[in-house]
């Protein structure tokens, strides 16, 4: 929790308690159903929780917005963001039933009323959202085509609705594949957090 308090000093007592409960709960489930590597589980706060919350530094979500976490896996970035933004609705979707089962159980234990977890594929859902968030799921061209029909027309945030992806590597090359050359930008996560783990990691915004 030391890292979270360093970068998010405004956390309420409830949020601190939820984060403190979330990490050992996730570790316990990870021993039964392998959701992240054994190497990563020892550094869960930085590599998964803090990494997820880089999106919050780029885009603080507003009350009443709906965020779709595509390919949530074990609940990243959706669960940490849902704890941080209790007035924002989060829909976490994944095609792997076992992982969604774990996500539902963790959400229940944490008492998160702003999270819905769905077992399925995004192409088959009718969820409408303000932003799609995702981490290491697919190339931007695929994300763009999968999600464009899910975004609402009304904009509640400083940036128009779109995709917020946690990425590494050469994003400019990847963006050349996106049809229509829409507006995009990227921010190095080390602008927010100074840990060495984030040296090559970015938050990428793609406007739909």
Protein backbone atom coordinates (compact mmCIF):
# COMPACT_ATOMS: atom_id res chain seq x y z
CA UNK A 1 0.00 0.00 0.00
CA UNK A 2 2.97 2.37 0.36
CA UNK A 3 3.15 3.01 -3.39
CA UNK A 4 -0.58 3.66 -3.67
CA UNK A 5 -0.51 6.16 -0.82
CA UNK A 6 2.50 7.90 -2.37
CA UNK A 7 0.79 8.49 -5.72
CA UNK A 8 -2.83 8.70 -4.55
CA UNK A 9 -2.72 10.54 -1.20
CA UNK A 10 -6.41 11.45 -1.55
CA UNK A 11 -7.59 7.84 -1.04
CA UNK A 12 -10.43 7.55 1.45
CA UNK A 13 -10.33 5.10 4.36
CA UNK A 14 -12.80 2.90 2.46
CA UNK A 15 -10.62 2.86 -0.65
CA UNK A 16 -7.50 2.10 1.37
CA UNK A 17 -9.30 -0.81 3.01
CA UNK A 18 -10.52 -2.14 -0.36
CA UNK A 19 -7.04 -2.01 -1.89
CA UNK A 20 -5.57 -3.63 1.23
CA UNK A 21 -8.15 -6.43 0.98
CA UNK A 22 -7.90 -6.79 -2.80
CA UNK A 23 -4.22 -7.69 -3.05
CA UNK A 24 -4.12 -10.69 -0.66
CA UNK A 25 -7.52 -11.82 -1.99
CA UNK A 26 -6.16 -11.81 -5.54
CA UNK A 27 -3.02 -13.65 -4.45
CA UNK A 28 -5.16 -16.31 -2.77
CA UNK A 29 -7.20 -16.87 -5.92
CA UNK A 30 -4.08 -16.85 -8.08
CA UNK A 31 -2.82 -19.93 -6.26
CA UNK A 32 -5.96 -21.79 -7.39
CA UNK A 33 -6.41 -20.34 -10.88
CA UNK A 34 -3.27 -18.95 -12.47
CA UNK A 35 -4.19 -15.43 -13.61
CA UNK A 36 -0.80 -13.73 -13.44
CA UNK A 37 2.69 -15.24 -13.35
CA UNK A 38 4.27 -16.32 -10.08
CA UNK A 39 7.00 -13.73 -10.69
CA UNK A 40 4.45 -10.92 -11.02
CA UNK A 41 2.39 -11.93 -8.01
CA UNK A 42 5.27 -10.94 -5.73
CA UNK A 43 5.12 -7.41 -7.14
CA UNK A 44 1.35 -7.16 -7.50
CA UNK A 45 1.02 -3.61 -6.17
CA UNK A 46 3.34 -2.08 -8.76
CA UNK A 47 3.04 -4.34 -11.81
CA UNK A 48 -0.72 -4.74 -11.74
CA UNK A 49 -2.50 -2.35 -9.38
CA UNK A 50 -0.38 0.76 -9.93
CA UNK A 51 0.00 -0.05 -13.63
CA UNK A 52 -3.80 -0.13 -13.95
CA UNK A 53 -4.12 3.20 -12.17
CA UNK A 54 -1.89 4.98 -14.70
CA UNK A 55 -5.12 5.33 -16.71
CA UNK A 56 -6.60 7.33 -13.81
CA UNK A 57 -3.70 9.79 -13.94
CA UNK A 58 -4.34 10.38 -17.64
CA UNK A 59 -8.15 10.41 -17.42
CA UNK A 60 -9.95 10.88 -14.10
CA UNK A 61 -13.37 9.36 -14.79
CA UNK A 62 -16.48 11.31 -13.82
CA UNK A 63 -19.56 10.23 -11.90
CA UNK A 64 -22.18 8.64 -14.11
CA UNK A 65 -19.77 7.50 -16.82
CA UNK A 66 -19.58 3.86 -17.96
CA UNK A 67 -16.20 2.23 -18.60
CA UNK A 68 -15.80 -1.10 -20.44
CA UNK A 69 -12.76 -3.18 -19.45
CA UNK A 70 -12.08 -5.38 -22.48
CA UNK A 71 -10.29 -8.65 -21.74
CA UNK A 72 -10.14 -7.96 -18.02
CA UNK A 73 -8.46 -11.27 -17.13
CA UNK A 74 -8.09 -11.22 -13.35
CA UNK A 75 -9.72 -7.78 -13.10
CA UNK A 76 -7.07 -5.42 -14.47
CA UNK A 77 -7.32 -2.55 -15.03
CA UNK A 78 -11.04 -2.60 -14.12
CA UNK A 79 -11.06 -3.45 -10.41
CA UNK A 80 -8.39 -0.94 -9.27
CA UNK A 81 -10.11 1.77 -11.34
CA UNK A 82 -13.51 0.84 -9.90
CA UNK A 83 -12.14 1.22 -6.37
CA UNK A 84 -10.70 4.63 -7.25
CA UNK A 85 -13.89 5.88 -8.98
CA UNK A 86 -16.86 4.55 -6.95
CA UNK A 87 -19.34 6.85 -8.75
CA UNK A 88 -18.36 5.48 -12.19
CA UNK A 89 -19.87 2.27 -13.60
CA UNK A 90 -17.47 -0.45 -14.78
CA UNK A 91 -18.29 -3.40 -17.03
CA UNK A 92 -15.56 -6.07 -17.02
CA UNK A 93 -15.69 -8.58 -19.85
CA UNK A 94 -13.57 -11.63 -20.65
CA UNK A 95 -14.09 -14.73 -22.78
CA UNK A 96 -12.48 -16.98 -20.15
CA UNK A 97 -15.15 -18.18 -17.74
CA UNK A 98 -12.81 -19.16 -14.89
CA UNK A 99 -11.30 -15.69 -14.77
CA UNK A 100 -14.69 -13.97 -14.76
CA UNK A 101 -15.77 -16.29 -11.95
CA UNK A 102 -12.79 -15.09 -9.90
CA UNK A 103 -13.50 -11.46 -10.78
CA UNK A 104 -17.12 -11.81 -9.63
CA UNK A 105 -16.03 -13.34 -6.34
CA UNK A 106 -13.43 -10.62 -5.70
CA UNK A 107 -15.95 -7.87 -6.56
CA UNK A 108 -18.45 -9.44 -4.15
CA UNK A 109 -15.91 -9.69 -1.33
CA UNK A 110 -14.82 -6.08 -1.81
CA UNK A 111 -18.43 -4.86 -1.84
CA UNK A 112 -18.01 -3.02 -5.15
CA UNK A 113 -21.49 -1.95 -6.26
CA UNK A 114 -20.25 -0.22 -9.42
CA UNK A 115 -18.89 -3.33 -11.19
CA UNK A 116 -20.59 -5.78 -13.52
CA UNK A 117 -18.57 -8.79 -14.75
CA UNK A 118 -19.58 -10.52 -18.00
CA UNK A 119 -18.38 -13.83 -19.47
CA UNK A 120 -18.34 -13.35 -23.23
CA UNK A 121 -16.82 -11.56 -26.19
CA UNK A 122 -17.13 -7.83 -26.71
CA UNK A 123 -18.47 -8.33 -30.24
CA UNK A 124 -21.47 -10.17 -28.77
CA UNK A 125 -22.42 -7.57 -26.12
CA UNK A 126 -24.56 -4.45 -26.41
CA UNK A 127 -22.86 -2.45 -23.67
CA UNK A 128 -22.57 1.28 -24.37
CA UNK A 129 -19.70 3.11 -22.70
CA UNK A 130 -17.74 6.33 -22.53
CA UNK A 131 -14.33 4.67 -22.67
CA UNK A 132 -12.88 1.24 -23.32
CA UNK A 133 -9.91 0.40 -21.12
CA UNK A 134 -7.62 -2.53 -21.79
CA UNK A 135 -4.22 -3.98 -21.01
CA UNK A 136 -2.13 -6.17 -23.33
CA UNK A 137 -5.16 -7.63 -25.12
CA UNK A 138 -4.70 -6.88 -28.84
CA UNK A 139 -3.22 -4.46 -31.35
CA UNK A 140 -4.87 -1.06 -31.60
CA UNK A 141 -6.38 -1.76 -35.02
CA UNK A 142 -8.31 -4.74 -33.61
CA UNK A 143 -9.38 -2.81 -30.52
CA UNK A 144 -10.59 0.03 -32.73
CA UNK A 145 -12.73 -2.27 -34.88
CA UNK A 146 -14.06 -4.34 -31.96
CA UNK A 147 -15.20 -1.41 -29.86
CA UNK A 148 -16.30 1.48 -32.08
CA UNK A 149 -20.02 0.57 -31.94
CA UNK A 150 -19.94 0.41 -28.13
CA UNK A 151 -19.02 4.06 -27.55
CA UNK A 152 -21.67 6.61 -26.59
CA UNK A 153 -22.16 9.74 -28.69
CA UNK A 154 -22.38 12.05 -25.66
CA UNK A 155 -19.02 13.09 -24.19
CA UNK A 156 -18.60 13.68 -20.43
CA UNK A 157 -14.80 14.05 -20.21
CA UNK A 158 -12.22 16.54 -21.52
CA UNK A 159 -11.25 14.01 -24.19
CA UNK A 160 -13.86 12.61 -26.62
CA UNK A 161 -14.90 9.02 -25.97
CA UNK A 162 -12.45 6.37 -27.12
CA UNK A 163 -9.93 3.73 -26.08
CA UNK A 164 -7.42 3.96 -23.21
CA UNK A 165 -4.89 1.16 -23.55
CA UNK A 166 -1.90 0.22 -21.43
CA UNK A 167 0.85 -0.59 -23.92
CA UNK A 168 4.57 -1.05 -24.43
CA UNK A 169 6.85 -0.90 -27.45
CA UNK A 170 6.55 1.15 -30.64
CA UNK A 171 3.01 2.51 -30.65
CA UNK A 172 3.53 4.70 -33.73
CA UNK A 173 4.08 1.62 -35.92
CA UNK A 174 1.00 -0.04 -34.48
CA UNK A 175 -1.12 3.06 -35.11
CA UNK A 176 -0.35 2.96 -38.83
CA UNK A 177 -2.64 -0.09 -39.04
CA UNK A 178 -5.68 1.78 -37.66
CA UNK A 179 -8.10 2.73 -40.48
CA UNK A 180 -8.88 6.39 -41.10
CA UNK A 181 -5.90 7.69 -39.11
CA UNK A 182 -7.93 8.91 -36.09
CA UNK A 183 -6.43 11.20 -33.44
CA UNK A 184 -4.28 9.48 -30.82
CA UNK A 185 -1.67 10.32 -28.22
CA UNK A 186 0.51 8.53 -25.70
CA UNK A 187 2.00 9.34 -22.30
CA UNK A 188 4.96 7.57 -20.72
CA UNK A 189 3.82 6.08 -17.42
CA UNK A 190 7.08 7.21 -15.83
CA UNK A 191 5.64 10.74 -16.02
CA UNK A 192 3.24 9.56 -13.31
CA UNK A 193 5.17 6.85 -11.46
CA UNK A 194 8.97 6.64 -11.21
CA UNK A 195 9.34 2.86 -10.73
CA UNK A 196 11.77 1.16 -13.15
CA UNK A 197 9.05 -1.35 -14.16
CA UNK A 198 7.34 1.40 -16.17
CA UNK A 199 10.36 2.39 -18.25
CA UNK A 200 8.85 1.30 -21.60
CA UNK A 201 5.15 1.41 -20.66
CA UNK A 202 2.59 3.91 -21.87
CA UNK A 203 -1.02 4.99 -21.66
CA UNK A 204 -2.35 5.27 -25.21
CA UNK A 205 -5.50 7.25 -26.02
CA UNK A 206 -7.25 6.57 -29.34
CA UNK A 207 -10.25 8.68 -30.30
CA UNK A 208 -13.08 6.77 -31.94
